[in-house]
Amino acid sequence: QRVNITERRGALDIRCTHKEVIHGYLKDGVGPASLIVYEFQFDRRKKARRISRVDVEFVYGGGAREPEVLEVAPRGRMSMQPTTQTEKITWGGGLQAGVTPAGVAQLGGNYKWEKVIGRETKDATIVVGSPILVKRNYGKWNGASWTLLENESTLTGVPAFFQAAVLLKRADNSPFHSVFRINASVDLFSSLKALVGSKPKDDAVLYDPLLPPTNRLRDYDLENLESVDLQGLGIASFTT
C-alpha cells in the first residue's frame, strides 16, 4: 500500500497520494470493507499556465471476487466559487437603397436601428463524482471517477487541492488492487506534455487488508465503516 500513487512534474505538477487506507468491516463486524481516501494536488509553477480539466478514474480488481464500490465522495455534481456576469449584445442592421446618376442601383450598408440586449450568465467551478462500471455494463460498480472543470468565465483553472474517498465492499481479506488513470487538459496555448513532461506509466496500486489502519485524518470504528460520513471526506480547495 504505497503512499504515492503518481507524480508528474514540470511547469504544472500533478500528484496523487493515499491520504488514508482503512480496512475493516461494513457493520457490526460483518462484511469485509475498505475505506480509501485520495489526495490530489495540481500546482502551477508558471503563473500563465493552468489546468482547465482533470478526469480521474480508479478501477478495482483482484481478490476472490473483485471489490464492489459502494459509495464515492464527492458524489454527484457540485459547484464552487460561482460567478455572475452581465453581457450586453448589440444588434443593428438595415439597408439603404439608391440609384446613381448613371442609373445604376446600389445598396448602402448604413444601419437604421440598434437594439441592446442584456444577458446574465452564471458559471462556476464544477466537480462531478460517481461510482462506475468499467469494461462491462452489468453487475456491481467496480470503479470510481471524478471530473474537475474550471470556471469558464474566470479561467482560474481547477482547484489546486482535491480530496476524494471510496468505500469498498470485499468478499474476504485477500489482497486486491486498483488501476489508476488521470487525464488533464491545459489552457489552449499550452501542451500538457511540455508542461508536465512525458506521461509515465502508473503501476497498479496493491492493497493488503491485513495491514493496520493509517488513521491520518481521524480514528475510525473498524467494525462499522459504513457509518463514516464519506461525503465529509470529499474536499476541494484553490489553496493547499
C-alpha atoms as a PDB file:
ATOM      1  CA  GLN A   1       0.000   0.000   0.000  1.00  0.00           C
ATOM      2  CA  ARG A   2       2.349   2.682  -1.185  1.00  0.00           C
ATOM      3  CA  VAL A   3       1.684   6.279  -0.183  1.00  0.00           C
ATOM      4  CA  ASN A   4       2.489   7.830  -3.558  1.00  0.00           C
ATOM      5  CA  ILE A   5       0.231   6.835  -6.453  1.00  0.00           C
ATOM      6  CA  THR A   6       1.547   9.129  -9.179  1.00  0.00           C
ATOM      7  CA  GLU A   7       3.691  12.241  -9.521  1.00  0.00           C
ATOM      8  CA  ARG A   8       4.234  14.221 -12.704  1.00  0.00           C
ATOM      9  CA  ARG A   9       6.415  17.307 -12.536  1.00  0.00           C
ATOM     10  CA  GLY A  10       7.043  20.239 -14.845  1.00  0.00           C
ATOM     11  CA  ALA A  11       5.595  23.715 -15.314  1.00  0.00           C
ATOM     12  CA  LEU A  12       2.483  22.038 -13.878  1.00  0.00           C
ATOM     13  CA  ASP A  13       2.771  19.448 -11.090  1.00  0.00           C
ATOM     14  CA  ILE A  14       0.207  16.658 -10.752  1.00  0.00           C
ATOM     15  CA  ARG A  15       0.302  14.443  -7.658  1.00  0.00           C
ATOM     16  CA  CYS A  16      -1.947  11.763  -6.195  1.00  0.00           C
ATOM     17  CA  THR A  17      -1.319  10.095  -2.835  1.00  0.00           C
ATOM     18  CA  HIS A  18      -3.100   7.885  -0.336  1.00  0.00           C
ATOM     19  CA  LYS A  19      -4.288  10.078   2.495  1.00  0.00           C
ATOM     20  CA  GLU A  20      -5.990   7.200   4.271  1.00  0.00           C
ATOM     21  CA  VAL A  21      -6.302   3.420   3.818  1.00  0.00           C
ATOM     22  CA  ILE A  22      -8.600   1.747   6.349  1.00  0.00           C
ATOM     23  CA  HIS A  23      -9.501  -1.949   6.251  1.00  0.00           C
ATOM     24  CA  GLY A  24     -12.320  -3.271   8.423  1.00  0.00           C
ATOM     25  CA  TYR A  25     -15.982  -4.232   8.191  1.00  0.00           C
ATOM     26  CA  LEU A  26     -19.182  -2.627   6.976  1.00  0.00           C
ATOM     27  CA  LYS A  27     -21.424  -3.031  10.022  1.00  0.00           C
ATOM     28  CA  ASP A  28     -21.146  -4.720  13.407  1.00  0.00           C
ATOM     29  CA  GLY A  29     -18.001  -6.583  12.375  1.00  0.00           C
ATOM     30  CA  VAL A  30     -19.698  -8.227   9.386  1.00  0.00           C
ATOM     31  CA  GLY A  31     -18.819  -7.780   5.707  1.00  0.00           C
ATOM     32  CA  PRO A  32     -15.157  -7.042   4.903  1.00  0.00           C
ATOM     33  CA  ALA A  33     -14.739  -3.466   3.679  1.00  0.00           C
ATOM     34  CA  SER A  34     -12.093  -0.861   2.890  1.00  0.00           C
ATOM     35  CA  LEU A  35     -12.187   2.927   3.088  1.00  0.00           C
ATOM     36  CA  ILE A  36      -9.660   4.714   0.864  1.00  0.00           C
ATOM     37  CA  VAL A  37      -9.070   8.473   0.837  1.00  0.00           C
ATOM     38  CA  TYR A  38      -7.108  10.008  -2.040  1.00  0.00           C
ATOM     39  CA  GLU A  39      -5.398  13.393  -2.080  1.00  0.00           C
ATOM     40  CA  PHE A  40      -4.673  15.241  -5.327  1.00  0.00           C
ATOM     41  CA  GLN A  41      -2.551  18.340  -5.863  1.00  0.00           C
ATOM     42  CA  PHE A  42      -2.479  20.377  -9.061  1.00  0.00           C
ATOM     43  CA  ASP A  43       0.196  23.061  -8.781  1.00  0.00           C
ATOM     44  CA  ARG A  44       1.412  25.505 -11.398  1.00  0.00           C
ATOM     45  CA  ARG A  45       4.985  26.768 -11.327  1.00  0.00           C
ATOM     46  CA  LYS A  46       4.327  29.308 -14.068  1.00  0.00           C
ATOM     47  CA  LYS A  47       1.588  31.821 -13.394  1.00  0.00           C
ATOM     48  CA  ALA A  48       0.429  31.981 -17.014  1.00  0.00           C
ATOM     49  CA  ARG A  49      -0.348  28.251 -17.149  1.00  0.00           C
ATOM     50  CA  ARG A  50      -3.347  26.436 -15.773  1.00  0.00           C
ATOM     51  CA  ILE A  51      -5.177  23.095 -15.858  1.00  0.00           C
ATOM     52  CA  SER A  52      -8.696  23.560 -17.210  1.00  0.00           C
ATOM     53  CA  ARG A  53      -9.991  19.996 -16.731  1.00  0.00           C
ATOM     54  CA  VAL A  54      -8.998  16.832 -14.887  1.00  0.00           C
ATOM     55  CA  ASP A  55     -10.520  13.349 -15.285  1.00  0.00           C
ATOM     56  CA  VAL A  56      -9.640  10.729 -12.648  1.00  0.00           C
ATOM     57  CA  GLU A  57     -10.582   7.046 -12.648  1.00  0.00           C
ATOM     58  CA  PHE A  58      -9.870   4.113 -10.337  1.00  0.00           C
ATOM     59  CA  VAL A  59     -10.805   0.532 -11.286  1.00  0.00           C
ATOM     60  CA  TYR A  60     -10.674  -2.145  -8.578  1.00  0.00           C
ATOM     61  CA  GLY A  61      -9.965  -5.844  -9.054  1.00  0.00           C
ATOM     62  CA  GLY A  62      -8.322  -8.922  -7.582  1.00  0.00           C
ATOM     63  CA  GLY A  63      -9.203 -10.980  -4.542  1.00  0.00           C
ATOM     64  CA  ALA A  64     -11.532 -13.976  -4.515  1.00  0.00           C
ATOM     65  CA  ARG A  65     -14.113 -11.640  -6.041  1.00  0.00           C
ATOM     66  CA  GLU A  66     -13.374  -8.117  -7.230  1.00  0.00           C
ATOM     67  CA  PRO A  67     -14.237  -5.395  -4.708  1.00  0.00           C
ATOM     68  CA  GLU A  68     -17.562  -3.610  -5.101  1.00  0.00           C
ATOM     69  CA  VAL A  69     -17.700   0.186  -4.966  1.00  0.00           C
ATOM     70  CA  LEU A  70     -20.478   1.059  -2.517  1.00  0.00           C
ATOM     71  CA  GLU A  71     -20.033   4.825  -2.362  1.00  0.00           C
ATOM     72  CA  VAL A  72     -17.748   7.618  -3.506  1.00  0.00           C
ATOM     73  CA  ALA A  73     -17.210  11.161  -2.266  1.00  0.00           C
ATOM     74  CA  PRO A  74     -17.786  13.689  -3.525  1.00  0.00           C
ATOM     75  CA  ARG A  75     -20.692  12.199  -5.451  1.00  0.00           C
ATOM     76  CA  GLY A  76     -22.931  13.944  -7.961  1.00  0.00           C
ATOM     77  CA  ARG A  77     -22.424  17.397  -9.446  1.00  0.00           C
ATOM     78  CA  MET A  78     -21.191  20.138  -7.149  1.00  0.00           C
ATOM     79  CA  SER A  79     -20.210  23.717  -7.839  1.00  0.00           C
ATOM     80  CA  MET A  80     -17.878  26.091  -6.045  1.00  0.00           C
ATOM     81  CA  GLN A  81     -16.992  29.767  -6.362  1.00  0.00           C
ATOM     82  CA  PRO A  82     -19.953  30.670  -8.616  1.00  0.00           C
ATOM     83  CA  THR A  83     -19.724  33.876 -10.643  1.00  0.00           C
ATOM     84  CA  THR A  84     -22.311  36.021 -12.401  1.00  0.00           C
ATOM     85  CA  GLN A  85     -21.642  38.448 -15.209  1.00  0.00           C
ATOM     86  CA  THR A  86     -23.852  40.605 -17.404  1.00  0.00           C
ATOM     87  CA  GLU A  87     -23.281  40.667 -21.141  1.00  0.00           C
ATOM     88  CA  LYS A  88     -24.627  43.331 -23.476  1.00  0.00           C
ATOM     89  CA  ILE A  89     -25.309  42.234 -27.029  1.00  0.00           C
ATOM     90  CA  THR A  90     -25.894  44.906 -29.660  1.00  0.00           C
ATOM     91  CA  TRP A  91     -27.863  44.097 -32.771  1.00  0.00           C
ATOM     92  CA  GLY A  92     -28.046  46.545 -35.679  1.00  0.00           C
ATOM     93  CA  GLY A  93     -28.992  46.477 -39.332  1.00  0.00           C
ATOM     94  CA  GLY A  94     -30.809  47.991 -42.219  1.00  0.00           C
ATOM     95  CA  LEU A  95     -30.107  48.718 -45.872  1.00  0.00           C
ATOM     96  CA  GLN A  96     -30.234  51.977 -47.778  1.00  0.00           C
ATOM     97  CA  ALA A  97     -31.239  51.717 -51.432  1.00  0.00           C
ATOM     98  CA  GLY A  98     -30.490  54.331 -54.085  1.00  0.00           C
ATOM     99  CA  VAL A  99     -29.790  54.992 -57.756  1.00  0.00           C
ATOM    100  CA  THR A 100     -26.613  56.597 -59.078  1.00  0.00           C
ATOM    101  CA  PRO A 101     -26.749  59.385 -61.688  1.00  0.00           C
ATOM    102  CA  ALA A 102     -25.817  56.751 -64.253  1.00  0.00           C
ATOM    103  CA  GLY A 103     -28.975  54.857 -63.429  1.00  0.00           C
ATOM    104  CA  VAL A 104     -27.233  52.022 -61.606  1.00  0.00           C
ATOM    105  CA  ALA A 105     -28.978  50.781 -58.494  1.00  0.00           C
ATOM    106  CA  GLN A 106     -26.857  50.473 -55.364  1.00  0.00           C
ATOM    107  CA  LEU A 107     -27.300  49.288 -51.782  1.00  0.00           C
ATOM    108  CA  GLY A 108     -25.746  51.031 -48.848  1.00  0.00           C
ATOM    109  CA  GLY A 109     -24.825  49.488 -45.514  1.00  0.00           C
ATOM    110  CA  ASN A 110     -25.987  52.274 -43.222  1.00  0.00           C
ATOM    111  CA  TYR A 111     -27.582  50.994 -40.013  1.00  0.00           C
ATOM    112  CA  LYS A 112     -31.044  52.332 -39.333  1.00  0.00           C
ATOM    113  CA  TRP A 113     -31.734  50.685 -35.986  1.00  0.00           C
ATOM    114  CA  GLU A 114     -29.952  49.310 -32.975  1.00  0.00           C
ATOM    115  CA  LYS A 115     -31.109  47.015 -30.185  1.00  0.00           C
ATOM    116  CA  VAL A 116     -29.206  46.253 -26.997  1.00  0.00           C
ATOM    117  CA  ILE A 117     -29.997  43.056 -25.096  1.00  0.00           C
ATOM    118  CA  GLY A 118     -28.674  42.462 -21.587  1.00  0.00           C
ATOM    119  CA  ARG A 119     -27.959  38.820 -20.707  1.00  0.00           C
ATOM    120  CA  GLU A 120     -26.824  37.493 -17.347  1.00  0.00           C
ATOM    121  CA  THR A 121     -24.593  34.427 -17.403  1.00  0.00           C
ATOM    122  CA  LYS A 122     -23.682  32.260 -14.418  1.00  0.00           C
ATOM    123  CA  ASP A 123     -20.698  29.966 -14.158  1.00  0.00           C
ATOM    124  CA  ALA A 124     -18.791  28.027 -11.520  1.00  0.00           C
ATOM    125  CA  THR A 125     -16.003  25.560 -10.901  1.00  0.00           C
ATOM    126  CA  ILE A 126     -17.572  22.093 -11.183  1.00  0.00           C
ATOM    127  CA  VAL A 127     -16.711  18.774  -9.516  1.00  0.00           C
ATOM    128  CA  VAL A 128     -18.541  15.634 -10.673  1.00  0.00           C
ATOM    129  CA  GLY A 129     -18.098  12.246  -8.991  1.00  0.00           C
ATOM    130  CA  SER A 130     -19.733   8.843  -9.412  1.00  0.00           C
ATOM    131  CA  PRO A 131     -19.263   5.097  -8.976  1.00  0.00           C
ATOM    132  CA  ILE A 132     -18.904   3.492 -12.411  1.00  0.00           C
ATOM    133  CA  LEU A 133     -18.868   0.228 -14.326  1.00  0.00           C
ATOM    134  CA  VAL A 134     -15.681  -0.359 -16.306  1.00  0.00           C
ATOM    135  CA  LYS A 135     -15.357  -2.801 -19.231  1.00  0.00           C
ATOM    136  CA  ARG A 136     -18.886  -4.083 -18.683  1.00  0.00           C
ATOM    137  CA  ASN A 137     -22.454  -2.789 -18.442  1.00  0.00           C
ATOM    138  CA  TYR A 138     -23.806  -5.189 -15.808  1.00  0.00           C
ATOM    139  CA  GLY A 139     -23.200  -6.166 -12.198  1.00  0.00           C
ATOM    140  CA  LYS A 140     -21.904  -4.125  -9.294  1.00  0.00           C
ATOM    141  CA  TRP A 141     -19.844  -0.962  -9.632  1.00  0.00           C
ATOM    142  CA  ASN A 142     -16.134  -1.730  -9.926  1.00  0.00           C
ATOM    143  CA  GLY A 143     -14.749   1.771 -10.373  1.00  0.00           C
ATOM    144  CA  ALA A 144     -14.865   5.381  -9.238  1.00  0.00           C
ATOM    145  CA  SER A 145     -14.435   8.540 -11.291  1.00  0.00           C
ATOM    146  CA  TRP A 146     -14.213  12.291 -10.757  1.00  0.00           C
ATOM    147  CA  THR A 147     -14.071  15.210 -13.164  1.00  0.00           C
ATOM    148  CA  LEU A 148     -12.950  18.727 -12.245  1.00  0.00           C
ATOM    149  CA  LEU A 149     -13.871  21.614 -14.568  1.00  0.00           C
ATOM    150  CA  GLU A 150     -12.641  25.182 -14.289  1.00  0.00           C
ATOM    151  CA  ASN A 151     -14.949  28.198 -14.216  1.00  0.00           C
ATOM    152  CA  GLU A 152     -15.189  29.131 -17.894  1.00  0.00           C
ATOM    153  CA  SER A 153     -15.799  32.784 -17.049  1.00  0.00           C
ATOM    154  CA  THR A 154     -12.836  33.384 -14.735  1.00  0.00           C
ATOM    155  CA  LEU A 155     -10.443  30.816 -16.306  1.00  0.00           C
ATOM    156  CA  THR A 156      -8.714  30.244 -12.972  1.00  0.00           C
ATOM    157  CA  GLY A 157      -8.037  26.538 -13.509  1.00  0.00           C
ATOM    158  CA  VAL A 158      -9.213  23.571 -11.458  1.00  0.00           C
ATOM    159  CA  PRO A 159      -8.839  23.530  -7.640  1.00  0.00           C
ATOM    160  CA  ALA A 160      -5.228  23.123  -6.511  1.00  0.00           C
ATOM    161  CA  PHE A 161      -6.255  20.627  -3.805  1.00  0.00           C
ATOM    162  CA  PHE A 162      -8.792  17.827  -4.140  1.00  0.00           C
ATOM    163  CA  GLN A 163      -9.621  15.037  -1.706  1.00  0.00           C
ATOM    164  CA  ALA A 164     -11.829  12.081  -2.633  1.00  0.00           C
ATOM    165  CA  ALA A 165     -12.938   8.893  -0.872  1.00  0.00           C
ATOM    166  CA  VAL A 166     -14.199   5.425  -1.795  1.00  0.00           C
ATOM    167  CA  LEU A 167     -15.942   2.789   0.319  1.00  0.00           C
ATOM    168  CA  LEU A 168     -15.377  -0.754  -0.957  1.00  0.00           C
ATOM    169  CA  LYS A 169     -17.093  -3.996  -0.079  1.00  0.00           C
ATOM    170  CA  ARG A 170     -14.792  -7.031  -0.208  1.00  0.00           C
ATOM    171  CA  ALA A 171     -15.516 -10.760  -0.332  1.00  0.00           C
ATOM    172  CA  ASP A 172     -12.685 -11.633   2.066  1.00  0.00           C
ATOM    173  CA  ASN A 173      -9.273 -10.466   3.237  1.00  0.00           C
ATOM    174  CA  SER A 174      -7.429 -11.405   0.045  1.00  0.00           C
ATOM    175  CA  PRO A 175      -5.127  -8.720  -1.398  1.00  0.00           C
ATOM    176  CA  PHE A 176      -6.662  -6.602  -4.161  1.00  0.00           C
ATOM    177  CA  HIS A 177      -5.551  -3.800  -6.458  1.00  0.00           C
ATOM    178  CA  SER A 178      -6.661  -0.714  -8.330  1.00  0.00           C
ATOM    179  CA  VAL A 179      -5.689   0.645 -11.734  1.00  0.00           C
ATOM    180  CA  PHE A 180      -5.374   4.422 -11.780  1.00  0.00           C
ATOM    181  CA  ARG A 181      -5.851   6.771 -14.723  1.00  0.00           C
ATOM    182  CA  ILE A 182      -5.663  10.547 -14.826  1.00  0.00           C
ATOM    183  CA  ASN A 183      -6.041  12.855 -17.818  1.00  0.00           C
ATOM    184  CA  ALA A 184      -5.568  16.601 -17.605  1.00  0.00           C
ATOM    185  CA  SER A 185      -6.416  19.293 -20.152  1.00  0.00           C
ATOM    186  CA  VAL A 186      -4.474  22.540 -20.111  1.00  0.00           C
ATOM    187  CA  ASP A 187      -5.184  26.015 -21.440  1.00  0.00           C
ATOM    188  CA  LEU A 188      -5.389  26.352 -25.217  1.00  0.00           C
ATOM    189  CA  PHE A 189      -1.908  27.839 -25.522  1.00  0.00           C
ATOM    190  CA  SER A 190      -0.059  25.068 -23.704  1.00  0.00           C
ATOM    191  CA  SER A 191       0.899  21.479 -24.370  1.00  0.00           C
ATOM    192  CA  LEU A 192       0.360  19.087 -21.457  1.00  0.00           C
ATOM    193  CA  LYS A 193       3.458  17.091 -22.411  1.00  0.00           C
ATOM    194  CA  ALA A 194       5.574  20.246 -22.380  1.00  0.00           C
ATOM    195  CA  LEU A 195       4.187  21.334 -19.013  1.00  0.00           C
ATOM    196  CA  VAL A 196       4.339  18.069 -17.052  1.00  0.00           C
ATOM    197  CA  GLY A 197       6.744  16.010 -19.120  1.00  0.00           C
ATOM    198  CA  SER A 198       6.006  12.738 -20.883  1.00  0.00           C
ATOM    199  CA  LYS A 199       3.280  10.666 -19.267  1.00  0.00           C
ATOM    200  CA  PRO A 200       4.773   7.935 -17.049  1.00  0.00           C
ATOM    201  CA  LYS A 201       3.173   4.542 -16.723  1.00  0.00           C
ATOM    202  CA  ASP A 202       1.201   4.352 -13.484  1.00  0.00           C
ATOM    203  CA  ASP A 203       1.618   0.902 -11.929  1.00  0.00           C
ATOM    204  CA  ALA A 204      -1.327  -0.900 -10.366  1.00  0.00           C
ATOM    205  CA  VAL A 205      -1.824   0.006  -6.707  1.00  0.00           C
ATOM    206  CA  LEU A 206      -1.781  -3.011  -4.359  1.00  0.00           C
ATOM    207  CA  TYR A 207      -3.755  -3.285  -1.095  1.00  0.00           C
ATOM    208  CA  ASP A 208      -3.343  -5.735   1.781  1.00  0.00           C
ATOM    209  CA  PRO A 209      -6.435  -5.872   4.051  1.00  0.00           C
ATOM    210  CA  LEU A 210      -4.340  -7.371   6.857  1.00  0.00           C
ATOM    211  CA  LEU A 211      -2.325  -4.170   7.317  1.00  0.00           C
ATOM    212  CA  PRO A 212      -3.255  -1.789  10.176  1.00  0.00           C
ATOM    213  CA  PRO A 213      -5.235   1.417   9.511  1.00  0.00           C
ATOM    214  CA  THR A 214      -3.344   4.603   8.705  1.00  0.00           C
ATOM    215  CA  ASN A 215      -5.606   6.891  10.830  1.00  0.00           C
ATOM    216  CA  ARG A 216      -4.034  10.100   9.489  1.00  0.00           C
ATOM    217  CA  LEU A 217      -7.281  12.095   9.474  1.00  0.00           C
ATOM    218  CA  ARG A 218      -9.064  10.552  12.456  1.00  0.00           C
ATOM    219  CA  ASP A 219      -9.665   7.305  14.316  1.00  0.00           C
ATOM    220  CA  TYR A 220     -12.241   5.033  12.701  1.00  0.00           C
ATOM    221  CA  ASP A 221     -14.597   2.384  14.018  1.00  0.00           C
ATOM    222  CA  LEU A 222     -13.203  -0.536  12.040  1.00  0.00           C
ATOM    223  CA  GLU A 223     -16.294  -2.615  12.799  1.00  0.00           C
ATOM    224  CA  ASN A 224     -18.655  -0.043  11.228  1.00  0.00           C
ATOM    225  CA  LEU A 225     -17.029   1.650   8.244  1.00  0.00           C
ATOM    226  CA  GLU A 226     -20.385   2.292   6.558  1.00  0.00           C
ATOM    227  CA  SER A 227     -21.179   4.739   9.378  1.00  0.00           C
ATOM    228  CA  VAL A 228     -18.357   7.066   8.280  1.00  0.00           C
ATOM    229  CA  ASP A 229     -19.583  10.363   6.797  1.00  0.00           C
ATOM    230  CA  LEU A 230     -17.981   9.744   3.425  1.00  0.00           C
ATOM    231  CA  GLN A 231     -19.204  12.990   1.862  1.00  0.00           C
ATOM    232  CA  GLY A 232     -17.436  14.888   4.612  1.00  0.00           C
ATOM    233  CA  LEU A 233     -14.164  13.493   3.268  1.00  0.00           C
ATOM    234  CA  GLY A 234     -14.694  14.968  -0.202  1.00  0.00           C
ATOM    235  CA  ILE A 235     -12.922  18.339  -0.284  1.00  0.00           C
ATOM    236  CA  ALA A 236     -11.818  20.774  -2.994  1.00  0.00           C
ATOM    237  CA  SER A 237      -9.872  23.980  -2.463  1.00  0.00           C
ATOM    238  CA  PHE A 238      -7.929  26.523  -4.522  1.00  0.00           C
ATOM    239  CA  THR A 239      -5.212  26.642  -1.868  1.00  0.00           C
ATOM    240  CA  THR A 240      -3.251  23.709  -0.483  1.00  0.00           C
END
